[in-house]
Amino acid sequence: MNQRNGTVVCPGSYDPVTNGHVDIITRTSNVFERVVVGVVNNPVRKEKTLFSAEERCELIREATASLANVEVQIFATLLVEFARDNDAKAIVKGLRAISDFEYEFEMAQLNRKLDPGIESMYVIASPHYSFLSSTGVKEMATFGGDVSDLVPGSVAAALSERLGGR
């Protein structure tokens, strides 16, 4: 597949971005012409983020710097509005397990109701990232666990700096 068409949005809280996220973004960038990584400003499902939206954007930019067709933006609207604003024809998300599927299935149906012209597409996590979550990484880092093989180097450094004293 050489031809890449259209714009897609890869939304998430990315608190912090993991190697699993980078894998999904990279694989998506191989299929689509333009990938907009949408960083949720204030995630509804999380009380408080460890990193500000601006910090999360910068960490993603560093992790995806080699991907010329990837850009990162903060959004605080409905996902389909953000997709429309970026002329995206699809929303792409990663799936790790059945629990992800159940939540994403519901969200896909709601998004389809809001805008049937924007497709929801899913990329299955690579096997070596299927267990990886931002929450798990933060918990490991909080208690001094080595997360250097789970996140980009700049994220490992930021986690160490932010959580080093805990």
Protein backbone atom coordinates (compact mmCIF):
# COMPACT_ATOMS: atom_id res chain seq x y z
CA MET A 1 0.00 0.00 0.00
CA ASN A 2 1.86 3.08 -1.23
CA GLN A 3 -0.95 5.58 -1.56
CA ARG A 4 -2.01 7.38 1.61
CA ASN A 5 -5.23 9.34 1.50
CA GLY A 6 -6.97 11.70 3.86
CA THR A 7 -6.74 12.97 7.38
CA VAL A 8 -7.49 11.00 10.54
CA VAL A 9 -7.57 11.91 14.20
CA CYS A 10 -5.94 9.79 16.94
CA PRO A 11 -7.48 11.11 20.17
CA GLY A 12 -6.53 10.38 23.74
CA SER A 13 -5.41 11.78 27.05
CA TYR A 14 -1.83 10.52 26.54
CA ASP A 15 -0.96 11.02 30.21
CA PRO A 16 1.77 10.12 29.42
CA VAL A 17 2.33 8.90 25.88
CA THR A 18 3.65 5.32 25.88
CA ASN A 19 5.50 3.24 23.31
CA GLY A 20 2.14 1.58 22.63
CA HIS A 21 0.64 4.93 21.67
CA VAL A 22 3.64 5.73 19.49
CA ASP A 23 3.26 2.35 17.78
CA ILE A 24 -0.42 3.03 16.95
CA ILE A 25 0.39 6.57 15.73
CA THR A 26 3.28 5.29 13.61
CA ARG A 27 1.25 2.51 12.03
CA THR A 28 -1.60 4.95 11.34
CA SER A 29 0.84 7.41 9.74
CA ASN A 30 1.85 4.66 7.30
CA VAL A 31 -1.73 4.41 6.07
CA PHE A 32 -3.03 7.99 6.09
CA GLU A 33 -1.72 11.18 4.56
CA ARG A 34 -2.19 13.30 7.69
CA VAL A 35 -2.51 12.16 11.30
CA VAL A 36 -3.70 14.64 13.90
CA VAL A 37 -2.99 13.44 17.41
CA GLY A 38 -5.69 15.03 19.53
CA VAL A 39 -4.80 15.54 23.17
CA VAL A 40 -7.87 15.87 25.37
CA ASN A 41 -7.44 19.02 27.43
CA ASN A 42 -9.46 17.83 30.44
CA PRO A 43 -10.30 14.13 30.17
CA VAL A 44 -13.76 13.32 31.50
CA ARG A 45 -12.79 9.83 32.71
CA LYS A 46 -9.80 11.02 34.73
CA GLU A 47 -9.87 13.30 37.76
CA LYS A 48 -6.54 15.02 37.21
CA THR A 49 -3.72 14.51 34.77
CA LEU A 50 -0.08 14.20 35.83
CA PHE A 51 1.06 16.38 32.92
CA SER A 52 -0.64 19.49 31.55
CA ALA A 53 -2.09 19.32 28.05
CA GLU A 54 0.81 21.43 26.77
CA GLU A 55 3.36 19.09 28.38
CA ARG A 56 1.62 16.03 26.92
CA CYS A 57 1.65 17.64 23.47
CA GLU A 58 5.35 18.38 23.70
CA LEU A 59 6.15 14.82 24.81
CA ILE A 60 4.15 13.44 21.86
CA ARG A 61 5.86 15.84 19.44
CA GLU A 62 9.26 14.65 20.65
CA ALA A 63 8.22 10.99 20.37
CA THR A 64 6.84 11.41 16.83
CA ALA A 65 9.39 13.92 15.48
CA SER A 66 10.49 11.48 12.76
CA LEU A 67 6.92 11.21 11.40
CA ALA A 68 6.51 14.14 8.99
CA ASN A 69 2.76 13.64 8.53
CA VAL A 70 1.90 13.70 12.25
CA GLU A 71 0.81 16.82 14.09
CA VAL A 72 -0.36 17.28 17.67
CA GLN A 73 -3.19 19.50 18.89
CA ILE A 74 -5.08 20.05 22.12
CA PHE A 75 -8.87 19.82 21.98
CA ALA A 76 -11.68 20.50 24.44
CA THR A 77 -14.73 19.82 22.27
CA LEU A 78 -16.71 16.80 21.21
CA LEU A 79 -14.40 14.43 19.35
CA VAL A 80 -16.46 14.57 16.16
CA GLU A 81 -16.27 18.38 16.22
CA PHE A 82 -12.49 18.17 16.54
CA ALA A 83 -12.41 15.68 13.66
CA ARG A 84 -14.61 17.95 11.52
CA ASP A 85 -12.44 20.98 12.33
CA ASN A 86 -9.45 19.03 10.96
CA ASP A 87 -11.29 17.69 7.89
CA ALA A 88 -10.74 14.16 9.21
CA LYS A 89 -12.61 11.32 7.60
CA ALA A 90 -11.95 8.93 10.47
CA ILE A 91 -11.11 8.56 14.14
CA VAL A 92 -8.40 5.96 14.78
CA LYS A 93 -7.84 4.37 18.17
CA GLY A 94 -5.87 1.44 19.48
CA LEU A 95 -7.41 -1.63 21.08
CA ARG A 96 -5.56 -3.75 23.63
CA ALA A 97 -8.20 -6.01 25.16
CA ILE A 98 -11.89 -6.87 25.34
CA SER A 99 -12.39 -4.17 27.98
CA ASP A 100 -11.14 -1.55 25.49
CA PHE A 101 -13.53 -2.91 22.88
CA GLU A 102 -16.59 -2.56 25.11
CA TYR A 103 -15.90 1.10 25.86
CA GLU A 104 -14.84 1.95 22.29
CA PHE A 105 -17.88 0.21 20.81
CA GLU A 106 -20.16 2.49 22.84
CA MET A 107 -18.16 5.60 21.92
CA ALA A 108 -18.13 4.66 18.23
CA GLN A 109 -21.93 4.35 18.22
CA LEU A 110 -22.34 7.73 19.94
CA ASN A 111 -19.88 9.39 17.55
CA ARG A 112 -21.67 7.82 14.58
CA LYS A 113 -24.95 9.28 15.83
CA LEU A 114 -23.33 12.72 16.06
CA ASP A 115 -21.72 12.49 12.61
CA PRO A 116 -22.30 9.41 10.42
CA GLY A 117 -19.74 10.74 7.93
CA ILE A 118 -16.80 10.19 10.28
CA GLU A 119 -15.76 6.56 10.60
CA SER A 120 -14.32 4.96 13.72
CA MET A 121 -11.37 2.68 12.97
CA TYR A 122 -9.29 0.54 15.30
CA VAL A 123 -5.72 -0.67 15.23
CA ILE A 124 -5.00 -3.75 17.32
CA ALA A 125 -2.11 -3.26 19.74
CA SER A 126 1.12 -4.99 18.89
CA PRO A 127 1.54 -8.04 21.17
CA HIS A 128 4.43 -6.56 23.14
CA TYR A 129 2.29 -3.46 23.96
CA SER A 130 -1.04 -5.17 24.61
CA PHE A 131 -0.61 -4.84 28.40
CA LEU A 132 0.65 -1.26 28.34
CA SER A 133 -1.36 1.64 29.76
CA SER A 134 -0.51 5.16 30.86
CA THR A 135 -2.02 4.39 34.26
CA GLY A 136 0.19 1.34 34.71
CA VAL A 137 3.26 3.27 33.66
CA LYS A 138 2.49 6.07 36.15
CA GLU A 139 1.98 3.54 38.95
CA MET A 140 5.27 1.81 38.17
CA ALA A 141 7.14 5.12 37.97
CA THR A 142 5.58 6.35 41.24
CA PHE A 143 7.11 3.42 43.10
CA GLY A 144 10.49 3.60 41.38
CA GLY A 145 9.92 0.93 38.74
CA ASP A 146 11.95 1.07 35.54
CA VAL A 147 9.68 2.27 32.73
CA SER A 148 12.45 3.08 30.25
CA ASP A 149 11.40 0.30 27.85
CA LEU A 150 7.71 1.27 28.04
CA VAL A 151 7.87 4.95 27.14
CA PRO A 152 9.99 7.23 24.94
CA GLY A 153 13.16 8.50 26.62
CA SER A 154 11.84 12.03 27.12
CA VAL A 155 8.77 10.62 28.87
CA ALA A 156 10.87 8.45 31.19
CA ALA A 157 12.89 11.54 32.13
CA ALA A 158 9.74 13.62 32.68
CA LEU A 159 8.21 10.89 34.84
CA SER A 160 11.38 10.64 36.90
CA GLU A 161 11.45 14.39 37.39
CA ARG A 162 7.75 14.66 38.24
CA LEU A 163 7.49 11.55 40.42
CA GLY A 164 11.06 11.18 41.69
CA GLY A 165 10.27 12.35 45.19
CA ARG A 166 7.23 10.14 45.75
